[in-house]
PDB file of N, CA and C in Angstrom:
ATOM      1  N   MET A   1       0.841  -1.169   0.000  1.00  0.00           N
ATOM      2  CA  MET A   1       0.000   0.000   0.000  1.00  0.00           C
ATOM      3  C   MET A   1       0.888   1.235   0.000  1.00  0.00           C
ATOM      4  N   THR A   2       0.534   2.202  -0.773  1.00  0.00           N
ATOM      5  CA  THR A   2       1.307   3.425  -0.897  1.00  0.00           C
ATOM      6  C   THR A   2       0.808   4.449   0.116  1.00  0.00           C
ATOM      7  N   SER A   3       1.756   5.126   0.809  1.00  0.00           N
ATOM      8  CA  SER A   3       1.320   6.181   1.732  1.00  0.00           C
ATOM      9  C   SER A   3       1.225   7.492   0.962  1.00  0.00           C
ATOM     10  N   LEU A   4       0.238   8.258   1.302  1.00  0.00           N
ATOM     11  CA  LEU A   4       0.027   9.537   0.639  1.00  0.00           C
ATOM     12  C   LEU A   4       0.778  10.625   1.379  1.00  0.00           C
ATOM     13  N   GLU A   5       1.418  11.482   0.639  1.00  0.00           N
ATOM     14  CA  GLU A   5       2.108  12.609   1.237  1.00  0.00           C
ATOM     15  C   GLU A   5       1.071  13.694   1.521  1.00  0.00           C
ATOM     16  N   LEU A   6       1.162  14.284   2.710  1.00  0.00           N
ATOM     17  CA  LEU A   6       0.227  15.349   3.067  1.00  0.00           C
ATOM     18  C   LEU A   6       0.513  16.596   2.254  1.00  0.00           C
ATOM     19  N   ILE A   7      -0.517  17.212   1.771  1.00  0.00           N
ATOM     20  CA  ILE A   7      -0.339  18.485   1.085  1.00  0.00           C
ATOM     21  C   ILE A   7      -0.374  19.588   2.131  1.00  0.00           C
ATOM     22  N   ASP A   8       0.108  20.770   1.768  1.00  0.00           N
ATOM     23  CA  ASP A   8       0.241  21.857   2.730  1.00  0.00           C
ATOM     24  C   ASP A   8      -1.048  22.159   3.490  1.00  0.00           C
ATOM     25  N   CYS A   9      -2.187  22.080   2.831  1.00  0.00           N
ATOM     26  CA  CYS A   9      -3.428  22.428   3.516  1.00  0.00           C
ATOM     27  C   CYS A   9      -3.836  21.395   4.554  1.00  0.00           C
ATOM     28  N   CYS A  10      -3.229  20.248   4.587  1.00  0.00           N
ATOM     29  CA  CYS A  10      -3.632  19.178   5.508  1.00  0.00           C
ATOM     30  C   CYS A  10      -2.613  18.914   6.612  1.00  0.00           C
ATOM     31  N   ARG A  11      -1.551  19.679   6.654  1.00  0.00           N
ATOM     32  CA  ARG A  11      -0.534  19.463   7.682  1.00  0.00           C
ATOM     33  C   ARG A  11      -1.073  19.949   9.037  1.00  0.00           C
ATOM     34  N   PRO A  12      -0.637  19.316  10.131  1.00  0.00           N
ATOM     35  CA  PRO A  12      -1.063  19.763  11.466  1.00  0.00           C
ATOM     36  C   PRO A  12      -0.585  21.189  11.728  1.00  0.00           C
ATOM     37  N   LEU A  13      -1.329  21.885  12.549  1.00  0.00           N
ATOM     38  CA  LEU A  13      -0.937  23.246  12.907  1.00  0.00           C
ATOM     39  C   LEU A  13       0.391  23.229  13.642  1.00  0.00           C
ATOM     40  N   GLY A  14       1.259  24.165  13.299  1.00  0.00           N
ATOM     41  CA  GLY A  14       2.562  24.234  13.937  1.00  0.00           C
ATOM     42  C   GLY A  14       2.538  25.013  15.234  1.00  0.00           C
ATOM     43  N   ALA A  15       1.534  25.860  15.410  1.00  0.00           N
ATOM     44  CA  ALA A  15       1.468  26.687  16.613  1.00  0.00           C
ATOM     45  C   ALA A  15       0.962  25.870  17.795  1.00  0.00           C
ATOM     46  N   VAL A  16       1.423  26.227  18.968  1.00  0.00           N
ATOM     47  CA  VAL A  16       0.972  25.580  20.190  1.00  0.00           C
ATOM     48  C   VAL A  16      -0.457  26.037  20.468  1.00  0.00           C
ATOM     49  N   ALA A  17      -1.332  25.116  20.758  1.00  0.00           N
ATOM     50  CA  ALA A  17      -2.727  25.444  21.045  1.00  0.00           C
ATOM     51  C   ALA A  17      -2.849  26.024  22.451  1.00  0.00           C
ATOM     52  N   LEU A  18      -3.877  26.828  22.648  1.00  0.00           N
ATOM     53  CA  LEU A  18      -4.150  27.372  23.974  1.00  0.00           C
ATOM     54  C   LEU A  18      -4.623  26.260  24.899  1.00  0.00           C
ATOM     55  N   ALA A  19      -4.230  26.350  26.153  1.00  0.00           N
ATOM     56  CA  ALA A  19      -4.760  25.431  27.160  1.00  0.00           C
ATOM     57  C   ALA A  19      -6.227  25.784  27.375  1.00  0.00           C
ATOM     58  N   ASP A  20      -7.007  24.835  27.870  1.00  0.00           N
ATOM     59  CA  ASP A  20      -8.437  25.069  28.076  1.00  0.00           C
ATOM     60  C   ASP A  20      -8.697  26.269  28.983  1.00  0.00           C
ATOM     61  N   GLU A  21      -7.939  26.386  30.066  1.00  0.00           N
ATOM     62  CA  GLU A  21      -8.127  27.498  31.009  1.00  0.00           C
ATOM     63  C   GLU A  21      -7.819  28.833  30.340  1.00  0.00           C
ATOM     64  N   GLU A  22      -6.761  28.852  29.546  1.00  0.00           N
ATOM     65  CA  GLU A  22      -6.371  30.073  28.845  1.00  0.00           C
ATOM     66  C   GLU A  22      -7.429  30.456  27.803  1.00  0.00           C
ATOM     67  N   ALA A  23      -7.977  29.483  27.128  1.00  0.00           N
ATOM     68  CA  ALA A  23      -9.037  29.741  26.143  1.00  0.00           C
ATOM     69  C   ALA A  23     -10.285  30.277  26.828  1.00  0.00           C
ATOM     70  N   GLU A  24     -10.656  29.722  27.987  1.00  0.00           N
ATOM     71  CA  GLU A  24     -11.828  30.199  28.724  1.00  0.00           C
ATOM     72  C   GLU A  24     -11.624  31.642  29.199  1.00  0.00           C
ATOM     73  N   ALA A  25     -10.446  31.940  29.744  1.00  0.00           N
ATOM     74  CA  ALA A  25     -10.163  33.293  30.225  1.00  0.00           C
ATOM     75  C   ALA A  25     -10.180  34.302  29.079  1.00  0.00           C
ATOM     76  N   THR A  26      -9.645  33.911  27.940  1.00  0.00           N
ATOM     77  CA  THR A  26      -9.618  34.787  26.780  1.00  0.00           C
ATOM     78  C   THR A  26     -11.033  34.990  26.231  1.00  0.00           C
ATOM     79  N   ALA A  27     -11.826  33.938  26.209  1.00  0.00           N
ATOM     80  CA  ALA A  27     -13.215  34.055  25.755  1.00  0.00           C
ATOM     81  C   ALA A  27     -13.997  35.001  26.662  1.00  0.00           C
ATOM     82  N   ALA A  28     -13.721  34.956  27.962  1.00  0.00           N
ATOM     83  CA  ALA A  28     -14.392  35.864  28.892  1.00  0.00           C
ATOM     84  C   ALA A  28     -14.028  37.321  28.574  1.00  0.00           C
ATOM     85  N   LEU A  29     -12.764  37.570  28.233  1.00  0.00           N
ATOM     86  CA  LEU A  29     -12.363  38.932  27.853  1.00  0.00           C
ATOM     87  C   LEU A  29     -13.095  39.387  26.593  1.00  0.00           C
ATOM     88  N   PHE A  30     -13.198  38.494  25.618  1.00  0.00           N
ATOM     89  CA  PHE A  30     -13.892  38.844  24.379  1.00  0.00           C
ATOM     90  C   PHE A  30     -15.388  39.066  24.616  1.00  0.00           C
ATOM     91  N   ARG A  31     -15.988  38.294  25.533  1.00  0.00           N
ATOM     92  CA  ARG A  31     -17.404  38.523  25.858  1.00  0.00           C
ATOM     93  C   ARG A  31     -17.587  39.910  26.465  1.00  0.00           C
ATOM     94  N   THR A  32     -16.643  40.305  27.301  1.00  0.00           N
ATOM     95  CA  THR A  32     -16.709  41.636  27.897  1.00  0.00           C
ATOM     96  C   THR A  32     -16.566  42.711  26.830  1.00  0.00           C
ATOM     97  N   LEU A  33     -15.755  42.465  25.829  1.00  0.00           N
ATOM     98  CA  LEU A  33     -15.538  43.441  24.758  1.00  0.00           C
ATOM     99  C   LEU A  33     -16.623  43.395  23.678  1.00  0.00           C
ATOM    100  N   ALA A  34     -17.611  42.530  23.830  1.00  0.00           N
ATOM    101  CA  ALA A  34     -18.633  42.354  22.795  1.00  0.00           C
ATOM    102  C   ALA A  34     -19.690  43.448  22.835  1.00  0.00           C
ATOM    103  N   ASP A  35     -19.264  44.660  23.053  1.00  0.00           N
ATOM    104  CA  ASP A  35     -20.155  45.820  23.060  1.00  0.00           C
ATOM    105  C   ASP A  35     -19.378  46.971  22.435  1.00  0.00           C
ATOM    106  N   PRO A  36     -19.960  47.659  21.449  1.00  0.00           N
ATOM    107  CA  PRO A  36     -19.225  48.733  20.773  1.00  0.00           C
ATOM    108  C   PRO A  36     -18.720  49.829  21.712  1.00  0.00           C
ATOM    109  N   ALA A  37     -19.496  50.172  22.732  1.00  0.00           N
ATOM    110  CA  ALA A  37     -19.062  51.217  23.664  1.00  0.00           C
ATOM    111  C   ALA A  37     -17.818  50.776  24.424  1.00  0.00           C
ATOM    112  N   ARG A  38     -17.761  49.518  24.801  1.00  0.00           N
ATOM    113  CA  ARG A  38     -16.589  49.010  25.533  1.00  0.00           C
ATOM    114  C   ARG A  38     -15.363  48.958  24.632  1.00  0.00           C
ATOM    115  N   VAL A  39     -15.563  48.603  23.388  1.00  0.00           N
ATOM    116  CA  VAL A  39     -14.447  48.615  22.439  1.00  0.00           C
ATOM    117  C   VAL A  39     -13.923  50.039  22.285  1.00  0.00           C
ATOM    118  N   LYS A  40     -14.826  51.009  22.203  1.00  0.00           N
ATOM    119  CA  LYS A  40     -14.406  52.413  22.082  1.00  0.00           C
ATOM    120  C   LYS A  40     -13.646  52.868  23.326  1.00  0.00           C
ATOM    121  N   ILE A  41     -14.121  52.461  24.504  1.00  0.00           N
ATOM    122  CA  ILE A  41     -13.431  52.828  25.745  1.00  0.00           C
ATOM    123  C   ILE A  41     -12.009  52.276  25.740  1.00  0.00           C
ATOM    124  N   VAL A  42     -11.863  51.012  25.391  1.00  0.00           N
ATOM    125  CA  VAL A  42     -10.531  50.398  25.349  1.00  0.00           C
ATOM    126  C   VAL A  42      -9.655  51.111  24.327  1.00  0.00           C
ATOM    127  N   ASN A  43     -10.229  51.439  23.176  1.00  0.00           N
ATOM    128  CA  ASN A  43      -9.478  52.152  22.139  1.00  0.00           C
ATOM    129  C   ASN A  43      -9.042  53.531  22.624  1.00  0.00           C
ATOM    130  N   LEU A  44      -9.933  54.260  23.272  1.00  0.00           N
ATOM    131  CA  LEU A  44      -9.585  55.584  23.798  1.00  0.00           C
ATOM    132  C   LEU A  44      -8.455  55.485  24.815  1.00  0.00           C
ATOM    133  N   LEU A  45      -8.523  54.487  25.675  1.00  0.00           N
ATOM    134  CA  LEU A  45      -7.470  54.330  26.675  1.00  0.00           C
ATOM    135  C   LEU A  45      -6.154  53.864  26.057  1.00  0.00           C
ATOM    136  N   ALA A  46      -6.240  53.057  25.018  1.00  0.00           N
ATOM    137  CA  ALA A  46      -5.030  52.580  24.348  1.00  0.00           C
ATOM    138  C   ALA A  46      -4.288  53.716  23.653  1.00  0.00           C
ATOM    139  N   THR A  47      -5.015  54.742  23.253  1.00  0.00           N
ATOM    140  CA  THR A  47      -4.390  55.862  22.539  1.00  0.00           C
ATOM    141  C   THR A  47      -4.080  57.043  23.446  1.00  0.00           C
ATOM    142  N   SER A  48      -4.325  56.893  24.740  1.00  0.00           N
ATOM    143  CA  SER A  48      -4.061  57.963  25.695  1.00  0.00           C
ATOM    144  C   SER A  48      -2.780  57.672  26.465  1.00  0.00           C
ATOM    145  N   ALA A  49      -1.959  58.700  26.610  1.00  0.00           N
ATOM    146  CA  ALA A  49      -0.697  58.535  27.334  1.00  0.00           C
ATOM    147  C   ALA A  49      -0.906  58.530  28.850  1.00  0.00           C
ATOM    148  N   GLU A  50      -2.017  59.073  29.301  1.00  0.00           N
ATOM    149  CA  GLU A  50      -2.317  59.210  30.730  1.00  0.00           C
ATOM    150  C   GLU A  50      -3.652  58.543  31.050  1.00  0.00           C
ATOM    151  N   PRO A  51      -3.885  58.189  32.327  1.00  0.00           N
ATOM    152  CA  PRO A  51      -5.212  57.700  32.711  1.00  0.00           C
ATOM    153  C   PRO A  51      -6.283  58.735  32.367  1.00  0.00           C
ATOM    154  N   VAL A  52      -7.487  58.254  32.054  1.00  0.00           N
ATOM    155  CA  VAL A  52      -8.577  59.118  31.606  1.00  0.00           C
ATOM    156  C   VAL A  52      -9.655  59.161  32.682  1.00  0.00           C
ATOM    157  N   CYS A  53     -10.126  60.378  32.977  1.00  0.00           N
ATOM    158  CA  CYS A  53     -11.194  60.575  33.953  1.00  0.00           C
ATOM    159  C   CYS A  53     -12.498  60.007  33.392  1.00  0.00           C
ATOM    160  N   ALA A  54     -13.279  59.378  34.259  1.00  0.00           N
ATOM    161  CA  ALA A  54     -14.567  58.809  33.841  1.00  0.00           C
ATOM    162  C   ALA A  54     -15.463  59.864  33.206  1.00  0.00           C
ATOM    163  N   CYS A  55     -15.356  61.092  33.650  1.00  0.00           N
ATOM    164  CA  CYS A  55     -16.210  62.171  33.129  1.00  0.00           C
ATOM    165  C   CYS A  55     -15.927  62.479  31.657  1.00  0.00           C
ATOM    166  N   GLU A  56     -14.763  62.100  31.159  1.00  0.00           N
ATOM    167  CA  GLU A  56     -14.404  62.394  29.777  1.00  0.00           C
ATOM    168  C   GLU A  56     -15.042  61.443  28.770  1.00  0.00           C
ATOM    169  N   PHE A  57     -15.547  60.309  29.241  1.00  0.00           N
ATOM    170  CA  PHE A  57     -16.148  59.337  28.325  1.00  0.00           C
ATOM    171  C   PHE A  57     -17.554  59.729  27.876  1.00  0.00           C
ATOM    172  N   GLU A  58     -18.314  60.400  28.740  1.00  0.00           N
ATOM    173  CA  GLU A  58     -19.702  60.750  28.409  1.00  0.00           C
ATOM    174  C   GLU A  58     -19.820  61.534  27.103  1.00  0.00           C
ATOM    175  N   PRO A  59     -19.142  62.676  26.977  1.00  0.00           N
ATOM    176  CA  PRO A  59     -19.294  63.425  25.723  1.00  0.00           C
ATOM    177  C   PRO A  59     -18.681  62.725  24.514  1.00  0.00           C
ATOM    178  N   THR A  60     -17.632  61.974  24.733  1.00  0.00           N
ATOM    179  CA  THR A  60     -16.965  61.286  23.626  1.00  0.00           C
ATOM    180  C   THR A  60     -17.815  60.142  23.084  1.00  0.00           C
ATOM    181  N   LEU A  61     -18.454  59.393  23.992  1.00  0.00           N
ATOM    182  CA  LEU A  61     -19.253  58.233  23.591  1.00  0.00           C
ATOM    183  C   LEU A  61     -20.724  58.576  23.356  1.00  0.00           C
ATOM    184  N   HIS A  62     -21.129  59.785  23.752  1.00  0.00           N
ATOM    185  CA  HIS A  62     -22.533  60.200  23.649  1.00  0.00           C
ATOM    186  C   HIS A  62     -23.440  59.258  24.428  1.00  0.00           C
ATOM    187  N   LEU A  63     -23.003  58.900  25.632  1.00  0.00           N
ATOM    188  CA  LEU A  63     -23.769  58.036  26.513  1.00  0.00           C
ATOM    189  C   LEU A  63     -23.976  58.735  27.847  1.00  0.00           C
ATOM    190  N   SER A  64     -24.998  58.313  28.581  1.00  0.00           N
ATOM    191  CA  SER A  64     -25.265  58.905  29.895  1.00  0.00           C
ATOM    192  C   SER A  64     -24.225  58.418  30.908  1.00  0.00           C
ATOM    193  N   GLN A  65     -24.121  59.144  32.011  1.00  0.00           N
ATOM    194  CA  GLN A  65     -23.151  58.802  33.043  1.00  0.00           C
ATOM    195  C   GLN A  65     -23.396  57.404  33.617  1.00  0.00           C
ATOM    196  N   PRO A  66     -24.649  57.017  33.927  1.00  0.00           N
ATOM    197  CA  PRO A  66     -24.845  55.657  34.440  1.00  0.00           C
ATOM    198  C   PRO A  66     -24.425  54.568  33.448  1.00  0.00           C
ATOM    199  N   THR A  67     -24.649  54.799  32.160  1.00  0.00           N
ATOM    200  CA  THR A  67     -24.266  53.819  31.150  1.00  0.00           C
ATOM    201  C   THR A  67     -22.747  53.712  31.049  1.00  0.00           C
ATOM    202  N   VAL A  68     -22.079  54.845  31.062  1.00  0.00           N
ATOM    203  CA  VAL A  68     -20.603  54.842  31.021  1.00  0.00           C
ATOM    204  C   VAL A  68     -20.058  54.117  32.255  1.00  0.00           C
ATOM    205  N   SER A  69     -20.621  54.416  33.418  1.00  0.00           N
ATOM    206  CA  SER A  69     -20.175  53.764  34.657  1.00  0.00           C
ATOM    207  C   SER A  69     -20.359  52.250  34.583  1.00  0.00           C
ATOM    208  N   HIS A  70     -21.472  51.823  34.028  1.00  0.00           N
ATOM    209  CA  HIS A  70     -21.735  50.388  33.867  1.00  0.00           C
ATOM    210  C   HIS A  70     -20.653  49.726  33.002  1.00  0.00           C
ATOM    211  N   HIS A  71     -20.345  50.346  31.871  1.00  0.00           N
ATOM    212  CA  HIS A  71     -19.329  49.780  30.971  1.00  0.00           C
ATOM    213  C   HIS A  71     -17.947  49.784  31.619  1.00  0.00           C
ATOM    214  N   LEU A  72     -17.603  50.865  32.309  1.00  0.00           N
ATOM    215  CA  LEU A  72     -16.303  50.927  32.983  1.00  0.00           C
ATOM    216  C   LEU A  72     -16.203  49.860  34.074  1.00  0.00           C
ATOM    217  N   LYS A  73     -17.308  49.645  34.789  1.00  0.00           N
ATOM    218  CA  LYS A  73     -17.318  48.617  35.837  1.00  0.00           C
ATOM    219  C   LYS A  73     -17.106  47.229  35.242  1.00  0.00           C
ATOM    220  N   LYS A  74     -17.800  46.915  34.156  1.00  0.00           N
ATOM    221  CA  LYS A  74     -17.656  45.606  33.515  1.00  0.00           C
ATOM    222  C   LYS A  74     -16.221  45.385  33.033  1.00  0.00           C
ATOM    223  N   LEU A  75     -15.623  46.404  32.413  1.00  0.00           N
ATOM    224  CA  LEU A  75     -14.249  46.293  31.914  1.00  0.00           C
ATOM    225  C   LEU A  75     -13.249  46.149  33.059  1.00  0.00           C
ATOM    226  N   THR A  76     -13.505  46.845  34.164  1.00  0.00           N
ATOM    227  CA  THR A  76     -12.624  46.754  35.328  1.00  0.00           C
ATOM    228  C   THR A  76     -12.743  45.385  35.983  1.00  0.00           C
ATOM    229  N   GLU A  77     -13.975  44.889  36.140  1.00  0.00           N
ATOM    230  CA  GLU A  77     -14.187  43.567  36.738  1.00  0.00           C
ATOM    231  C   GLU A  77     -13.541  42.461  35.915  1.00  0.00           C
ATOM    232  N   ALA A  78     -13.502  42.641  34.603  1.00  0.00           N
ATOM    233  CA  ALA A  78     -12.887  41.646  33.720  1.00  0.00           C
ATOM    234  C   ALA A  78     -11.364  41.720  33.756  1.00  0.00           C
ATOM    235  N   GLY A  79     -10.829  42.754  34.404  1.00  0.00           N
ATOM    236  CA  GLY A  79      -9.382  42.889  34.507  1.00  0.00           C
ATOM    237  C   GLY A  79      -8.743  43.638  33.355  1.00  0.00           C
ATOM    238  N   LEU A  80      -9.569  44.205  32.465  1.00  0.00           N
ATOM    239  CA  LEU A  80      -9.016  44.953  31.328  1.00  0.00           C
ATOM    240  C   LEU A  80      -8.570  46.358  31.713  1.00  0.00           C
ATOM    241  N   LEU A  81      -9.234  46.941  32.705  1.00  0.00           N
ATOM    242  CA  LEU A  81      -8.914  48.308  33.112  1.00  0.00           C
ATOM    243  C   LEU A  81      -8.419  48.347  34.543  1.00  0.00           C
ATOM    244  N   GLU A  82      -7.630  49.370  34.830  1.00  0.00           N
ATOM    245  CA  GLU A  82      -7.234  49.686  36.194  1.00  0.00           C
ATOM    246  C   GLU A  82      -7.921  50.988  36.568  1.00  0.00           C
ATOM    247  N   ARG A  83      -8.395  51.064  37.800  1.00  0.00           N
ATOM    248  CA  ARG A  83      -9.137  52.235  38.285  1.00  0.00           C
ATOM    249  C   ARG A  83      -8.347  52.888  39.401  1.00  0.00           C
ATOM    250  N   GLU A  84      -8.217  54.217  39.317  1.00  0.00           N
ATOM    251  CA  GLU A  84      -7.506  54.990  40.334  1.00  0.00           C
ATOM    252  C   GLU A  84      -8.438  56.109  40.799  1.00  0.00           C
ATOM    253  N   GLN A  85      -8.680  56.182  42.099  1.00  0.00           N
ATOM    254  CA  GLN A  85      -9.545  57.218  42.647  1.00  0.00           C
ATOM    255  C   GLN A  85      -8.716  58.456  42.958  1.00  0.00           C
ATOM    256  N   ARG A  86      -9.131  59.598  42.418  1.00  0.00           N
ATOM    257  CA  ARG A  86      -8.477  60.893  42.687  1.00  0.00           C
ATOM    258  C   ARG A  86      -9.556  61.846  43.174  1.00  0.00           C
ATOM    259  N   GLY A  87      -9.660  61.974  44.478  1.00  0.00           N
ATOM    260  CA  GLY A  87     -10.738  62.786  45.043  1.00  0.00           C
ATOM    261  C   GLY A  87     -12.063  62.128  44.722  1.00  0.00           C
ATOM    262  N   LYS A  88     -12.985  62.892  44.138  1.00  0.00           N
ATOM    263  CA  LYS A  88     -14.288  62.302  43.794  1.00  0.00           C
ATOM    264  C   LYS A  88     -14.312  61.682  42.408  1.00  0.00           C
ATOM    265  N   TRP A  89     -13.232  61.817  41.649  1.00  0.00           N
ATOM    266  CA  TRP A  89     -13.202  61.300  40.278  1.00  0.00           C
ATOM    267  C   TRP A  89     -12.401  60.018  40.176  1.00  0.00           C
ATOM    268  N   ALA A  90     -12.855  59.144  39.303  1.00  0.00           N
ATOM    269  CA  ALA A  90     -12.138  57.899  39.021  1.00  0.00           C
ATOM    270  C   ALA A  90     -11.434  58.046  37.678  1.00  0.00           C
ATOM    271  N   TYR A  91     -10.194  57.609  37.633  1.00  0.00           N
ATOM    272  CA  TYR A  91      -9.396  57.629  36.410  1.00  0.00           C
ATOM    273  C   TYR A  91      -9.105  56.195  35.997  1.00  0.00           C
ATOM    274  N   PHE A  92      -9.157  55.965  34.699  1.00  0.00           N
ATOM    275  CA  PHE A  92      -9.005  54.611  34.170  1.00  0.00           C
ATOM    276  C   PHE A  92      -7.840  54.537  33.196  1.00  0.00           C
ATOM    277  N   SER A  93      -7.194  53.367  33.206  1.00  0.00           N
ATOM    278  CA  SER A  93      -6.129  53.070  32.244  1.00  0.00           C
ATOM    279  C   SER A  93      -6.217  51.583  31.927  1.00  0.00           C
ATOM    280  N   LEU A  94      -5.573  51.186  30.842  1.00  0.00           N
ATOM    281  CA  LEU A  94      -5.558  49.775  30.472  1.00  0.00           C
ATOM    282  C   LEU A  94      -4.664  48.994  31.423  1.00  0.00           C
ATOM    283  N   ASN A  95      -5.092  47.808  31.773  1.00  0.00           N
ATOM    284  CA  ASN A  95      -4.259  46.907  32.547  1.00  0.00           C
ATOM    285  C   ASN A  95      -3.228  46.336  31.574  1.00  0.00           C
ATOM    286  N   PRO A  96      -1.948  46.595  31.799  1.00  0.00           N
ATOM    287  CA  PRO A  96      -0.924  46.142  30.843  1.00  0.00           C
ATOM    288  C   PRO A  96      -0.913  44.631  30.616  1.00  0.00           C
ATOM    289  N   ASP A  97      -1.179  43.854  31.653  1.00  0.00           N
ATOM    290  CA  ASP A  97      -1.175  42.394  31.498  1.00  0.00           C
ATOM    291  C   ASP A  97      -2.309  41.928  30.594  1.00  0.00           C
ATOM    292  N   ALA A  98      -3.497  42.495  30.780  1.00  0.00           N
ATOM    293  CA  ALA A  98      -4.650  42.096  29.961  1.00  0.00           C
ATOM    294  C   ALA A  98      -4.458  42.526  28.515  1.00  0.00           C
ATOM    295  N   SER A  99      -3.954  43.734  28.305  1.00  0.00           N
ATOM    296  CA  SER A  99      -3.768  44.184  26.928  1.00  0.00           C
ATOM    297  C   SER A  99      -2.671  43.373  26.236  1.00  0.00           C
ATOM    298  N   SER A 100      -1.643  42.958  26.970  1.00  0.00           N
ATOM    299  CA  SER A 100      -0.600  42.102  26.381  1.00  0.00           C
ATOM    300  C   SER A 100      -1.169  40.742  26.009  1.00  0.00           C
ATOM    301  N   GLN A 101      -2.049  40.211  26.858  1.00  0.00           N
ATOM    302  CA  GLN A 101      -2.670  38.917  26.572  1.00  0.00           C
ATOM    303  C   GLN A 101      -3.489  38.998  25.283  1.00  0.00           C
ATOM    304  N   LEU A 102      -4.280  40.044  25.137  1.00  0.00           N
ATOM    305  CA  LEU A 102      -5.079  40.204  23.925  1.00  0.00           C
ATOM    306  C   LEU A 102      -4.197  40.408  22.704  1.00  0.00           C
ATOM    307  N   GLU A 103      -3.150  41.188  22.871  1.00  0.00           N
ATOM    308  CA  GLU A 103      -2.244  41.443  21.747  1.00  0.00           C
ATOM    309  C   GLU A 103      -1.579  40.159  21.267  1.00  0.00           C
ATOM    310  N   ARG A 104      -1.116  39.332  22.196  1.00  0.00           N
ATOM    311  CA  ARG A 104      -0.472  38.063  21.815  1.00  0.00           C
ATOM    312  C   ARG A 104      -1.455  37.149  21.100  1.00  0.00           C
ATOM    313  N   LEU A 105      -2.690  37.165  21.540  1.00  0.00           N
ATOM    314  CA  LEU A 105      -3.682  36.272  20.957  1.00  0.00           C
ATOM    315  C   LEU A 105      -4.031  36.659  19.529  1.00  0.00           C
ATOM    316  N   VAL A 106      -4.141  37.939  19.253  1.00  0.00           N
ATOM    317  CA  VAL A 106      -4.588  38.375  17.931  1.00  0.00           C
ATOM    318  C   VAL A 106      -3.446  38.758  16.996  1.00  0.00           C
ATOM    319  N   ARG A 107      -2.214  38.675  17.472  1.00  0.00           N
ATOM    320  CA  ARG A 107      -1.077  38.982  16.603  1.00  0.00           C
ATOM    321  C   ARG A 107      -1.037  37.983  15.454  1.00  0.00           C
ATOM    322  N   ILE A 108      -1.003  38.494  14.265  1.00  0.00           N
ATOM    323  CA  ILE A 108      -0.975  37.646  13.066  1.00  0.00           C
ATOM    324  C   ILE A 108       0.427  37.730  12.482  1.00  0.00           C
ATOM    325  N   THR A 109       1.066  36.577  12.385  1.00  0.00           N
ATOM    326  CA  THR A 109       2.407  36.555  11.826  1.00  0.00           C
ATOM    327  C   THR A 109       2.312  36.540  10.305  1.00  0.00           C
ATOM    328  N   ALA A 110       3.306  37.067   9.670  1.00  0.00           N
ATOM    329  CA  ALA A 110       3.319  37.120   8.200  1.00  0.00           C
ATOM    330  C   ALA A 110       3.341  35.718   7.620  1.00  0.00           C
ATOM    331  N   VAL A 111       2.606  35.541   6.578  1.00  0.00           N
ATOM    332  CA  VAL A 111       2.586  34.256   5.890  1.00  0.00           C
ATOM    333  C   VAL A 111       3.703  34.257   4.863  1.00  0.00           C
ATOM    334  N   VAL A 112       4.544  33.241   4.937  1.00  0.00           N
ATOM    335  CA  VAL A 112       5.689  33.160   4.023  1.00  0.00           C
ATOM    336  C   VAL A 112       5.359  32.303   2.837  1.00  0.00           C
TER     337      VAL A 112
END
């Protein structure tokens, strides 16, 4: 019997697969980001050199204060944001560990 040589499209994946726990944690982050307002918040924070006051999101997102607070709370609980209290105002920034995790997951290497 002759063995068939695998063609390129049928070769096993060369990349290491995510562990089940890592896949679950990453899926939870994506579920949290499954809202356009939350994606915009993360984008605004990613492009800001300094933490951003919660009050600055309302006019930018055209959302009410309770809605902005809800989204910020969900993102913070998921570990995507860090919250710093300055007097009566809360300032938010991206959690470097969470953003690195997302970046590693979605990084697409060049196809040779």
